[in-house]
Amino acid sequence: MMNITGYAPANAAYSSANGTTKYTAMTAKQTTETQKKGDAEAARDDAVAAEWDFHNYVQGMKDQVKAQFGADSNEVQSIGLTKKSEYKSPSSKKAPAAKA
């Protein structure tokens, strides 16, 4: 680890051999950290993909319910959508009165 000739610390806890051991332990922990971080990122990517897959399923299911039962059916309402007849019909806006 160190290339200092004659290094002999008074406290043996700071010997070259002890430093090499600690360095090896540190790099092993860093390697484990990097691997686990990669595993966590991969797991998150898998979870997001599954969420999108389910989202797309629900969207398709809603379309299928509309196609099978109609946009104004009770079945459409039972899956949380608004019946077509419950939307307000568009109304024309009246022109403002001319000021005198």
PDB file of N, CA and C in Angstrom:
ATOM      1  N   MET A   1       0.822  -1.177   0.000  1.00  0.00           N
ATOM      2  CA  MET A   1       0.000   0.000   0.000  1.00  0.00           C
ATOM      3  C   MET A   1       0.873   1.251   0.000  1.00  0.00           C
ATOM      4  N   MET A   2       1.754   1.346   0.962  1.00  0.00           N
ATOM      5  CA  MET A   2       2.642   2.514   1.012  1.00  0.00           C
ATOM      6  C   MET A   2       4.038   2.097   0.578  1.00  0.00           C
ATOM      7  N   ASN A   3       4.742   3.016  -0.024  1.00  0.00           N
ATOM      8  CA  ASN A   3       6.114   2.747  -0.469  1.00  0.00           C
ATOM      9  C   ASN A   3       7.102   3.604   0.304  1.00  0.00           C
ATOM     10  N   ILE A   4       6.904   3.687   1.596  1.00  0.00           N
ATOM     11  CA  ILE A   4       7.825   4.464   2.434  1.00  0.00           C
ATOM     12  C   ILE A   4       8.783   3.481   3.103  1.00  0.00           C
ATOM     13  N   THR A   5      10.020   3.586   2.747  1.00  0.00           N
ATOM     14  CA  THR A   5      11.037   2.705   3.321  1.00  0.00           C
ATOM     15  C   THR A   5      11.224   3.033   4.806  1.00  0.00           C
ATOM     16  N   GLY A   6      11.204   2.016   5.611  1.00  0.00           N
ATOM     17  CA  GLY A   6      11.451   2.174   7.038  1.00  0.00           C
ATOM     18  C   GLY A   6      10.233   2.631   7.826  1.00  0.00           C
ATOM     19  N   TYR A   7       9.027   2.568   7.238  1.00  0.00           N
ATOM     20  CA  TYR A   7       7.821   2.987   7.966  1.00  0.00           C
ATOM     21  C   TYR A   7       7.559   1.989   9.079  1.00  0.00           C
ATOM     22  N   ALA A   8       7.564   2.457  10.314  1.00  0.00           N
ATOM     23  CA  ALA A   8       7.309   1.624  11.484  1.00  0.00           C
ATOM     24  C   ALA A   8       6.590   2.490  12.512  1.00  0.00           C
ATOM     25  N   PRO A   9       5.246   2.579  12.398  1.00  0.00           N
ATOM     26  CA  PRO A   9       4.507   3.453  13.305  1.00  0.00           C
ATOM     27  C   PRO A   9       4.560   2.949  14.745  1.00  0.00           C
ATOM     28  N   ALA A  10       4.472   3.870  15.692  1.00  0.00           N
ATOM     29  CA  ALA A  10       4.469   3.499  17.111  1.00  0.00           C
ATOM     30  C   ALA A  10       3.185   2.755  17.455  1.00  0.00           C
ATOM     31  N   ASN A  11       2.106   3.090  16.794  1.00  0.00           N
ATOM     32  CA  ASN A  11       0.821   2.420  17.016  1.00  0.00           C
ATOM     33  C   ASN A  11       0.649   1.391  15.899  1.00  0.00           C
ATOM     34  N   ALA A  12       0.612   0.109  16.268  1.00  0.00           N
ATOM     35  CA  ALA A  12       0.541  -0.990  15.297  1.00  0.00           C
ATOM     36  C   ALA A  12      -0.755  -0.955  14.473  1.00  0.00           C
ATOM     37  N   ALA A  13      -1.758  -0.245  14.949  1.00  0.00           N
ATOM     38  CA  ALA A  13      -3.023  -0.154  14.209  1.00  0.00           C
ATOM     39  C   ALA A  13      -2.825   0.552  12.873  1.00  0.00           C
ATOM     40  N   TYR A  14      -1.718   1.292  12.745  1.00  0.00           N
ATOM     41  CA  TYR A  14      -1.451   2.042  11.527  1.00  0.00           C
ATOM     42  C   TYR A  14      -0.319   1.446  10.701  1.00  0.00           C
ATOM     43  N   SER A  15      -0.107   0.146  10.831  1.00  0.00           N
ATOM     44  CA  SER A  15       0.950  -0.528  10.073  1.00  0.00           C
ATOM     45  C   SER A  15       0.533  -0.666   8.606  1.00  0.00           C
ATOM     46  N   SER A  16       1.508  -0.875   7.742  1.00  0.00           N
ATOM     47  CA  SER A  16       1.228  -1.057   6.314  1.00  0.00           C
ATOM     48  C   SER A  16       0.332  -2.267   6.069  1.00  0.00           C
ATOM     49  N   ALA A  17       0.607  -3.346   6.794  1.00  0.00           N
ATOM     50  CA  ALA A  17      -0.198  -4.562   6.628  1.00  0.00           C
ATOM     51  C   ALA A  17      -1.656  -4.295   7.004  1.00  0.00           C
ATOM     52  N   ASN A  18      -1.863  -3.559   8.099  1.00  0.00           N
ATOM     53  CA  ASN A  18      -3.221  -3.234   8.533  1.00  0.00           C
ATOM     54  C   ASN A  18      -3.899  -2.322   7.502  1.00  0.00           C
ATOM     55  N   GLY A  19      -3.150  -1.404   6.926  1.00  0.00           N
ATOM     56  CA  GLY A  19      -3.698  -0.512   5.900  1.00  0.00           C
ATOM     57  C   GLY A  19      -4.118  -1.280   4.657  1.00  0.00           C
ATOM     58  N   THR A  20      -3.297  -2.262   4.274  1.00  0.00           N
ATOM     59  CA  THR A  20      -3.625  -3.092   3.109  1.00  0.00           C
ATOM     60  C   THR A  20      -4.900  -3.893   3.358  1.00  0.00           C
ATOM     61  N   THR A  21      -5.037  -4.431   4.572  1.00  0.00           N
ATOM     62  CA  THR A  21      -6.236  -5.194   4.940  1.00  0.00           C
ATOM     63  C   THR A  21      -7.481  -4.308   4.877  1.00  0.00           C
ATOM     64  N   LYS A  22      -7.357  -3.117   5.428  1.00  0.00           N
ATOM     65  CA  LYS A  22      -8.495  -2.194   5.431  1.00  0.00           C
ATOM     66  C   LYS A  22      -8.847  -1.738   4.013  1.00  0.00           C
ATOM     67  N   TYR A  23      -7.833  -1.528   3.179  1.00  0.00           N
ATOM     68  CA  TYR A  23      -8.073  -1.122   1.792  1.00  0.00           C
ATOM     69  C   TYR A  23      -8.801  -2.228   1.030  1.00  0.00           C
ATOM     70  N   THR A  24      -8.366  -3.478   1.242  1.00  0.00           N
ATOM     71  CA  THR A  24      -9.012  -4.619   0.590  1.00  0.00           C
ATOM     72  C   THR A  24     -10.470  -4.741   1.028  1.00  0.00           C
ATOM     73  N   ALA A  25     -10.721  -4.558   2.326  1.00  0.00           N
ATOM     74  CA  ALA A  25     -12.092  -4.620   2.845  1.00  0.00           C
ATOM     75  C   ALA A  25     -12.940  -3.498   2.254  1.00  0.00           C
ATOM     76  N   MET A  26     -12.371  -2.294   2.153  1.00  0.00           N
ATOM     77  CA  MET A  26     -13.102  -1.154   1.604  1.00  0.00           C
ATOM     78  C   MET A  26     -13.489  -1.397   0.149  1.00  0.00           C
ATOM     79  N   THR A  27     -12.548  -1.856  -0.660  1.00  0.00           N
ATOM     80  CA  THR A  27     -12.856  -2.078  -2.075  1.00  0.00           C
ATOM     81  C   THR A  27     -13.872  -3.205  -2.263  1.00  0.00           C
ATOM     82  N   ALA A  28     -13.823  -4.216  -1.404  1.00  0.00           N
ATOM     83  CA  ALA A  28     -14.809  -5.298  -1.477  1.00  0.00           C
ATOM     84  C   ALA A  28     -16.211  -4.759  -1.162  1.00  0.00           C
ATOM     85  N   LYS A  29     -16.307  -3.907  -0.139  1.00  0.00           N
ATOM     86  CA  LYS A  29     -17.607  -3.316   0.223  1.00  0.00           C
ATOM     87  C   LYS A  29     -18.114  -2.402  -0.897  1.00  0.00           C
ATOM     88  N   GLN A  30     -17.212  -1.654  -1.528  1.00  0.00           N
ATOM     89  CA  GLN A  30     -17.610  -0.775  -2.631  1.00  0.00           C
ATOM     90  C   GLN A  30     -18.117  -1.595  -3.821  1.00  0.00           C
ATOM     91  N   THR A  31     -17.454  -2.712  -4.081  1.00  0.00           N
ATOM     92  CA  THR A  31     -17.892  -3.594  -5.163  1.00  0.00           C
ATOM     93  C   THR A  31     -19.283  -4.140  -4.868  1.00  0.00           C
ATOM     94  N   THR A  32     -19.502  -4.573  -3.630  1.00  0.00           N
ATOM     95  CA  THR A  32     -20.819  -5.073  -3.223  1.00  0.00           C
ATOM     96  C   THR A  32     -21.868  -3.978  -3.360  1.00  0.00           C
ATOM     97  N   GLU A  33     -21.524  -2.771  -2.934  1.00  0.00           N
ATOM     98  CA  GLU A  33     -22.450  -1.637  -3.041  1.00  0.00           C
ATOM     99  C   GLU A  33     -22.840  -1.392  -4.496  1.00  0.00           C
ATOM    100  N   THR A  34     -21.855  -1.376  -5.385  1.00  0.00           N
ATOM    101  CA  THR A  34     -22.107  -1.130  -6.798  1.00  0.00           C
ATOM    102  C   THR A  34     -23.000  -2.214  -7.393  1.00  0.00           C
ATOM    103  N   GLN A  35     -22.739  -3.468  -7.031  1.00  0.00           N
ATOM    104  CA  GLN A  35     -23.552  -4.571  -7.543  1.00  0.00           C
ATOM    105  C   GLN A  35     -24.986  -4.472  -7.037  1.00  0.00           C
ATOM    106  N   LYS A  36     -25.148  -4.174  -5.745  1.00  0.00           N
ATOM    107  CA  LYS A  36     -26.496  -4.090  -5.183  1.00  0.00           C
ATOM    108  C   LYS A  36     -27.253  -2.887  -5.743  1.00  0.00           C
ATOM    109  N   LYS A  37     -26.530  -1.801  -5.992  1.00  0.00           N
ATOM    110  CA  LYS A  37     -27.171  -0.634  -6.596  1.00  0.00           C
ATOM    111  C   LYS A  37     -27.667  -0.996  -7.993  1.00  0.00           C
ATOM    112  N   GLY A  38     -26.864  -1.707  -8.751  1.00  0.00           N
ATOM    113  CA  GLY A  38     -27.280  -2.162 -10.082  1.00  0.00           C
ATOM    114  C   GLY A  38     -28.473  -3.089 -10.009  1.00  0.00           C
ATOM    115  N   ASP A  39     -28.474  -3.995  -9.017  1.00  0.00           N
ATOM    116  CA  ASP A  39     -29.612  -4.901  -8.835  1.00  0.00           C
ATOM    117  C   ASP A  39     -30.883  -4.124  -8.497  1.00  0.00           C
ATOM    118  N   ALA A  40     -30.744  -3.100  -7.629  1.00  0.00           N
ATOM    119  CA  ALA A  40     -31.904  -2.294  -7.248  1.00  0.00           C
ATOM    120  C   ALA A  40     -32.439  -1.517  -8.450  1.00  0.00           C
ATOM    121  N   GLU A  41     -31.543  -0.974  -9.263  1.00  0.00           N
ATOM    122  CA  GLU A  41     -31.980  -0.238 -10.453  1.00  0.00           C
ATOM    123  C   GLU A  41     -32.670  -1.165 -11.447  1.00  0.00           C
ATOM    124  N   ALA A  42     -32.163  -2.380 -11.591  1.00  0.00           N
ATOM    125  CA  ALA A  42     -32.788  -3.352 -12.488  1.00  0.00           C
ATOM    126  C   ALA A  42     -34.166  -3.754 -11.965  1.00  0.00           C
ATOM    127  N   ALA A  43     -34.276  -3.929 -10.646  1.00  0.00           N
ATOM    128  CA  ALA A  43     -35.574  -4.281 -10.050  1.00  0.00           C
ATOM    129  C   ALA A  43     -36.573  -3.146 -10.244  1.00  0.00           C
ATOM    130  N   ARG A  44     -36.110  -1.906 -10.116  1.00  0.00           N
ATOM    131  CA  ARG A  44     -36.991  -0.761 -10.333  1.00  0.00           C
ATOM    132  C   ARG A  44     -37.447  -0.717 -11.787  1.00  0.00           C
ATOM    133  N   ASP A  45     -36.538  -0.952 -12.715  1.00  0.00           N
ATOM    134  CA  ASP A  45     -36.915  -0.979 -14.133  1.00  0.00           C
ATOM    135  C   ASP A  45     -37.962  -2.051 -14.401  1.00  0.00           C
ATOM    136  N   ASP A  46     -37.791  -3.230 -13.789  1.00  0.00           N
ATOM    137  CA  ASP A  46     -38.769  -4.309 -13.949  1.00  0.00           C
ATOM    138  C   ASP A  46     -40.128  -3.911 -13.377  1.00  0.00           C
ATOM    139  N   ALA A  47     -40.121  -3.245 -12.214  1.00  0.00           N
ATOM    140  CA  ALA A  47     -41.379  -2.819 -11.592  1.00  0.00           C
ATOM    141  C   ALA A  47     -42.080  -1.771 -12.457  1.00  0.00           C
ATOM    142  N   VAL A  48     -41.334  -0.826 -12.994  1.00  0.00           N
ATOM    143  CA  VAL A  48     -41.929   0.207 -13.847  1.00  0.00           C
ATOM    144  C   VAL A  48     -42.518  -0.422 -15.105  1.00  0.00           C
ATOM    145  N   ALA A  49     -41.817  -1.376 -15.685  1.00  0.00           N
ATOM    146  CA  ALA A  49     -42.328  -2.060 -16.874  1.00  0.00           C
ATOM    147  C   ALA A  49     -43.625  -2.798 -16.554  1.00  0.00           C
ATOM    148  N   ALA A  50     -43.696  -3.429 -15.392  1.00  0.00           N
ATOM    149  CA  ALA A  50     -44.911  -4.134 -14.987  1.00  0.00           C
ATOM    150  C   ALA A  50     -46.055  -3.152 -14.748  1.00  0.00           C
ATOM    151  N   GLU A  51     -45.738  -1.982 -14.182  1.00  0.00           N
ATOM    152  CA  GLU A  51     -46.767  -0.962 -13.960  1.00  0.00           C
ATOM    153  C   GLU A  51     -47.336  -0.461 -15.293  1.00  0.00           C
ATOM    154  N   TRP A  52     -46.457  -0.232 -16.261  1.00  0.00           N
ATOM    155  CA  TRP A  52     -46.930   0.202 -17.578  1.00  0.00           C
ATOM    156  C   TRP A  52     -47.752  -0.896 -18.249  1.00  0.00           C
ATOM    157  N   ASP A  53     -47.340  -2.133 -18.098  1.00  0.00           N
ATOM    158  CA  ASP A  53     -48.076  -3.249 -18.677  1.00  0.00           C
ATOM    159  C   ASP A  53     -49.484  -3.311 -18.092  1.00  0.00           C
ATOM    160  N   PHE A  54     -49.597  -3.150 -16.778  1.00  0.00           N
ATOM    161  CA  PHE A  54     -50.913  -3.162 -16.138  1.00  0.00           C
ATOM    162  C   PHE A  54     -51.735  -1.950 -16.561  1.00  0.00           C
ATOM    163  N   HIS A  55     -51.103  -0.785 -16.639  1.00  0.00           N
ATOM    164  CA  HIS A  55     -51.800   0.436 -17.070  1.00  0.00           C
ATOM    165  C   HIS A  55     -52.387   0.245 -18.471  1.00  0.00           C
ATOM    166  N   ASN A  56     -51.576  -0.285 -19.372  1.00  0.00           N
ATOM    167  CA  ASN A  56     -52.050  -0.512 -20.734  1.00  0.00           C
ATOM    168  C   ASN A  56     -53.175  -1.537 -20.775  1.00  0.00           C
ATOM    169  N   TYR A  57     -53.115  -2.542 -19.906  1.00  0.00           N
ATOM    170  CA  TYR A  57     -54.197  -3.513 -19.798  1.00  0.00           C
ATOM    171  C   TYR A  57     -55.498  -2.826 -19.388  1.00  0.00           C
ATOM    172  N   VAL A  58     -55.433  -1.981 -18.370  1.00  0.00           N
ATOM    173  CA  VAL A  58     -56.642  -1.304 -17.877  1.00  0.00           C
ATOM    174  C   VAL A  58     -57.234  -0.415 -18.969  1.00  0.00           C
ATOM    175  N   GLN A  59     -56.379   0.305 -19.691  1.00  0.00           N
ATOM    176  CA  GLN A  59     -56.866   1.150 -20.779  1.00  0.00           C
ATOM    177  C   GLN A  59     -57.573   0.315 -21.847  1.00  0.00           C
ATOM    178  N   GLY A  60     -56.984  -0.806 -22.208  1.00  0.00           N
ATOM    179  CA  GLY A  60     -57.601  -1.701 -23.192  1.00  0.00           C
ATOM    180  C   GLY A  60     -58.892  -2.309 -22.677  1.00  0.00           C
ATOM    181  N   MET A  61     -58.920  -2.655 -21.391  1.00  0.00           N
ATOM    182  CA  MET A  61     -60.126  -3.225 -20.801  1.00  0.00           C
ATOM    183  C   MET A  61     -61.263  -2.222 -20.854  1.00  0.00           C
ATOM    184  N   LYS A  62     -60.970  -0.944 -20.573  1.00  0.00           N
ATOM    185  CA  LYS A  62     -62.000   0.091 -20.633  1.00  0.00           C
ATOM    186  C   LYS A  62     -62.553   0.208 -22.049  1.00  0.00           C
ATOM    187  N   ASP A  63     -61.666   0.167 -23.028  1.00  0.00           N
ATOM    188  CA  ASP A  63     -62.108   0.223 -24.430  1.00  0.00           C
ATOM    189  C   ASP A  63     -62.995  -0.963 -24.766  1.00  0.00           C
ATOM    190  N   GLN A  64     -62.642  -2.140 -24.255  1.00  0.00           N
ATOM    191  CA  GLN A  64     -63.431  -3.340 -24.531  1.00  0.00           C
ATOM    192  C   GLN A  64     -64.824  -3.255 -23.894  1.00  0.00           C
ATOM    193  N   VAL A  65     -64.899  -2.704 -22.675  1.00  0.00           N
ATOM    194  CA  VAL A  65     -66.200  -2.547 -22.016  1.00  0.00           C
ATOM    195  C   VAL A  65     -67.063  -1.585 -22.821  1.00  0.00           C
ATOM    196  N   LYS A  66     -66.482  -0.469 -23.282  1.00  0.00           N
ATOM    197  CA  LYS A  66     -67.242   0.476 -24.112  1.00  0.00           C
ATOM    198  C   LYS A  66     -67.721  -0.180 -25.399  1.00  0.00           C
ATOM    199  N   ALA A  67     -66.835  -0.961 -26.022  1.00  0.00           N
ATOM    200  CA  ALA A  67     -67.186  -1.608 -27.290  1.00  0.00           C
ATOM    201  C   ALA A  67     -68.276  -2.658 -27.097  1.00  0.00           C
ATOM    202  N   GLN A  68     -68.219  -3.402 -26.013  1.00  0.00           N
ATOM    203  CA  GLN A  68     -69.176  -4.482 -25.807  1.00  0.00           C
ATOM    204  C   GLN A  68     -70.523  -3.983 -25.302  1.00  0.00           C
ATOM    205  N   PHE A  69     -70.513  -3.013 -24.379  1.00  0.00           N
ATOM    206  CA  PHE A  69     -71.759  -2.601 -23.737  1.00  0.00           C
ATOM    207  C   PHE A  69     -72.259  -1.230 -24.168  1.00  0.00           C
ATOM    208  N   GLY A  70     -71.431  -0.454 -24.822  1.00  0.00           N
ATOM    209  CA  GLY A  70     -71.823   0.875 -25.264  1.00  0.00           C
ATOM    210  C   GLY A  70     -71.350   1.947 -24.296  1.00  0.00           C
ATOM    211  N   ALA A  71     -71.139   3.152 -24.850  1.00  0.00           N
ATOM    212  CA  ALA A  71     -70.582   4.258 -24.063  1.00  0.00           C
ATOM    213  C   ALA A  71     -71.560   4.816 -23.044  1.00  0.00           C
ATOM    214  N   ASP A  72     -72.847   4.424 -23.134  1.00  0.00           N
ATOM    215  CA  ASP A  72     -73.860   4.945 -22.218  1.00  0.00           C
ATOM    216  C   ASP A  72     -74.406   3.858 -21.291  1.00  0.00           C
ATOM    217  N   SER A  73     -73.631   2.812 -21.074  1.00  0.00           N
ATOM    218  CA  SER A  73     -74.117   1.673 -20.287  1.00  0.00           C
ATOM    219  C   SER A  73     -73.743   1.784 -18.808  1.00  0.00           C
ATOM    220  N   ASN A  74     -74.455   1.008 -18.011  1.00  0.00           N
ATOM    221  CA  ASN A  74     -74.153   0.938 -16.578  1.00  0.00           C
ATOM    222  C   ASN A  74     -72.782   0.283 -16.345  1.00  0.00           C
ATOM    223  N   GLU A  75     -72.391  -0.608 -17.236  1.00  0.00           N
ATOM    224  CA  GLU A  75     -71.095  -1.274 -17.108  1.00  0.00           C
ATOM    225  C   GLU A  75     -69.953  -0.267 -17.243  1.00  0.00           C
ATOM    226  N   VAL A  76     -70.118   0.698 -18.135  1.00  0.00           N
ATOM    227  CA  VAL A  76     -69.114   1.744 -18.289  1.00  0.00           C
ATOM    228  C   VAL A  76     -69.009   2.540 -16.995  1.00  0.00           C
ATOM    229  N   GLN A  77     -70.144   2.832 -16.410  1.00  0.00           N
ATOM    230  CA  GLN A  77     -70.154   3.578 -15.149  1.00  0.00           C
ATOM    231  C   GLN A  77     -69.547   2.740 -14.019  1.00  0.00           C
ATOM    232  N   SER A  78     -69.736   1.427 -14.047  1.00  0.00           N
ATOM    233  CA  SER A  78     -69.233   0.574 -12.964  1.00  0.00           C
ATOM    234  C   SER A  78     -67.712   0.472 -12.940  1.00  0.00           C
ATOM    235  N   ILE A  79     -67.049   0.802 -14.050  1.00  0.00           N
ATOM    236  CA  ILE A  79     -65.575   0.766 -14.049  1.00  0.00           C
ATOM    237  C   ILE A  79     -64.984   2.150 -13.834  1.00  0.00           C
ATOM    238  N   GLY A  80     -65.837   3.098 -13.436  1.00  0.00           N
ATOM    239  CA  GLY A  80     -65.342   4.410 -13.056  1.00  0.00           C
ATOM    240  C   GLY A  80     -65.376   5.448 -14.152  1.00  0.00           C
ATOM    241  N   LEU A  81     -65.952   5.127 -15.290  1.00  0.00           N
ATOM    242  CA  LEU A  81     -66.069   6.098 -16.368  1.00  0.00           C
ATOM    243  C   LEU A  81     -67.424   6.791 -16.308  1.00  0.00           C
ATOM    244  N   THR A  82     -67.542   7.897 -16.979  1.00  0.00           N
ATOM    245  CA  THR A  82     -68.801   8.641 -17.021  1.00  0.00           C
ATOM    246  C   THR A  82     -69.590   8.210 -18.248  1.00  0.00           C
ATOM    247  N   LYS A  83     -70.867   7.972 -18.038  1.00  0.00           N
ATOM    248  CA  LYS A  83     -71.733   7.623 -19.165  1.00  0.00           C
ATOM    249  C   LYS A  83     -71.763   8.785 -20.153  1.00  0.00           C
ATOM    250  N   LYS A  84     -71.913   8.446 -21.414  1.00  0.00           N
ATOM    251  CA  LYS A  84     -71.938   9.470 -22.458  1.00  0.00           C
ATOM    252  C   LYS A  84     -73.091  10.454 -22.237  1.00  0.00           C
ATOM    253  N   SER A  85     -74.225   9.967 -21.750  1.00  0.00           N
ATOM    254  CA  SER A  85     -75.392  10.830 -21.565  1.00  0.00           C
ATOM    255  C   SER A  85     -75.250  11.775 -20.378  1.00  0.00           C
ATOM    256  N   GLU A  86     -74.282  11.537 -19.519  1.00  0.00           N
ATOM    257  CA  GLU A  86     -74.112  12.380 -18.342  1.00  0.00           C
ATOM    258  C   GLU A  86     -73.203  13.580 -18.586  1.00  0.00           C
ATOM    259  N   TYR A  87     -72.609  13.648 -19.747  1.00  0.00           N
ATOM    260  CA  TYR A  87     -71.819  14.830 -20.088  1.00  0.00           C
ATOM    261  C   TYR A  87     -72.768  15.945 -20.496  1.00  0.00           C
ATOM    262  N   LYS A  88     -72.422  17.175 -20.156  1.00  0.00           N
ATOM    263  CA  LYS A  88     -73.235  18.316 -20.566  1.00  0.00           C
ATOM    264  C   LYS A  88     -73.054  18.522 -22.064  1.00  0.00           C
ATOM    265  N   SER A  89     -74.158  18.826 -22.721  1.00  0.00           N
ATOM    266  CA  SER A  89     -74.048  19.113 -24.144  1.00  0.00           C
ATOM    267  C   SER A  89     -73.527  20.534 -24.305  1.00  0.00           C
ATOM    268  N   PRO A  90     -72.773  20.767 -25.344  1.00  0.00           N
ATOM    269  CA  PRO A  90     -72.218  22.111 -25.540  1.00  0.00           C
ATOM    270  C   PRO A  90     -73.319  23.130 -25.783  1.00  0.00           C
ATOM    271  N   SER A  91     -73.168  24.292 -25.223  1.00  0.00           N
ATOM    272  CA  SER A  91     -74.136  25.357 -25.442  1.00  0.00           C
ATOM    273  C   SER A  91     -73.454  26.516 -26.116  1.00  0.00           C
ATOM    274  N   SER A  92     -74.218  27.208 -26.916  1.00  0.00           N
ATOM    275  CA  SER A  92     -73.619  28.355 -27.611  1.00  0.00           C
ATOM    276  C   SER A  92     -73.535  29.524 -26.666  1.00  0.00           C
ATOM    277  N   LYS A  93     -72.502  30.308 -26.821  1.00  0.00           N
ATOM    278  CA  LYS A  93     -72.328  31.480 -25.968  1.00  0.00           C
ATOM    279  C   LYS A  93     -73.074  32.645 -26.601  1.00  0.00           C
ATOM    280  N   LYS A  94     -73.736  33.384 -25.764  1.00  0.00           N
ATOM    281  CA  LYS A  94     -74.471  34.568 -26.266  1.00  0.00           C
ATOM    282  C   LYS A  94     -73.482  35.702 -26.429  1.00  0.00           C
ATOM    283  N   ALA A  95     -73.698  36.474 -27.474  1.00  0.00           N
ATOM    284  CA  ALA A  95     -72.840  37.615 -27.722  1.00  0.00           C
ATOM    285  C   ALA A  95     -73.159  38.691 -26.695  1.00  0.00           C
ATOM    286  N   PRO A  96     -72.160  39.391 -26.177  1.00  0.00           N
ATOM    287  CA  PRO A  96     -72.435  40.437 -25.189  1.00  0.00           C
ATOM    288  C   PRO A  96     -73.247  41.576 -25.810  1.00  0.00           C
ATOM    289  N   ALA A  97     -74.120  42.147 -24.998  1.00  0.00           N
ATOM    290  CA  ALA A  97     -74.963  43.248 -25.484  1.00  0.00           C
ATOM    291  C   ALA A  97     -74.102  44.448 -25.810  1.00  0.00           C
ATOM    292  N   ALA A  98     -74.491  45.165 -26.852  1.00  0.00           N
ATOM    293  CA  ALA A  98     -73.723  46.362 -27.260  1.00  0.00           C
ATOM    294  C   ALA A  98     -73.948  47.467 -26.258  1.00  0.00           C
ATOM    295  N   LYS A  99     -72.875  48.167 -25.950  1.00  0.00           N
ATOM    296  CA  LYS A  99     -72.973  49.283 -24.992  1.00  0.00           C
ATOM    297  C   LYS A  99     -73.394  50.541 -25.741  1.00  0.00           C
ATOM    298  N   ALA A 100     -74.204  51.308 -25.079  1.00  0.00           N
ATOM    299  CA  ALA A 100     -74.676  52.534 -25.729  1.00  0.00           C
ATOM    300  C   ALA A 100     -73.770  53.696 -25.490  1.00  0.00           C
TER     301      ALA A 100
END
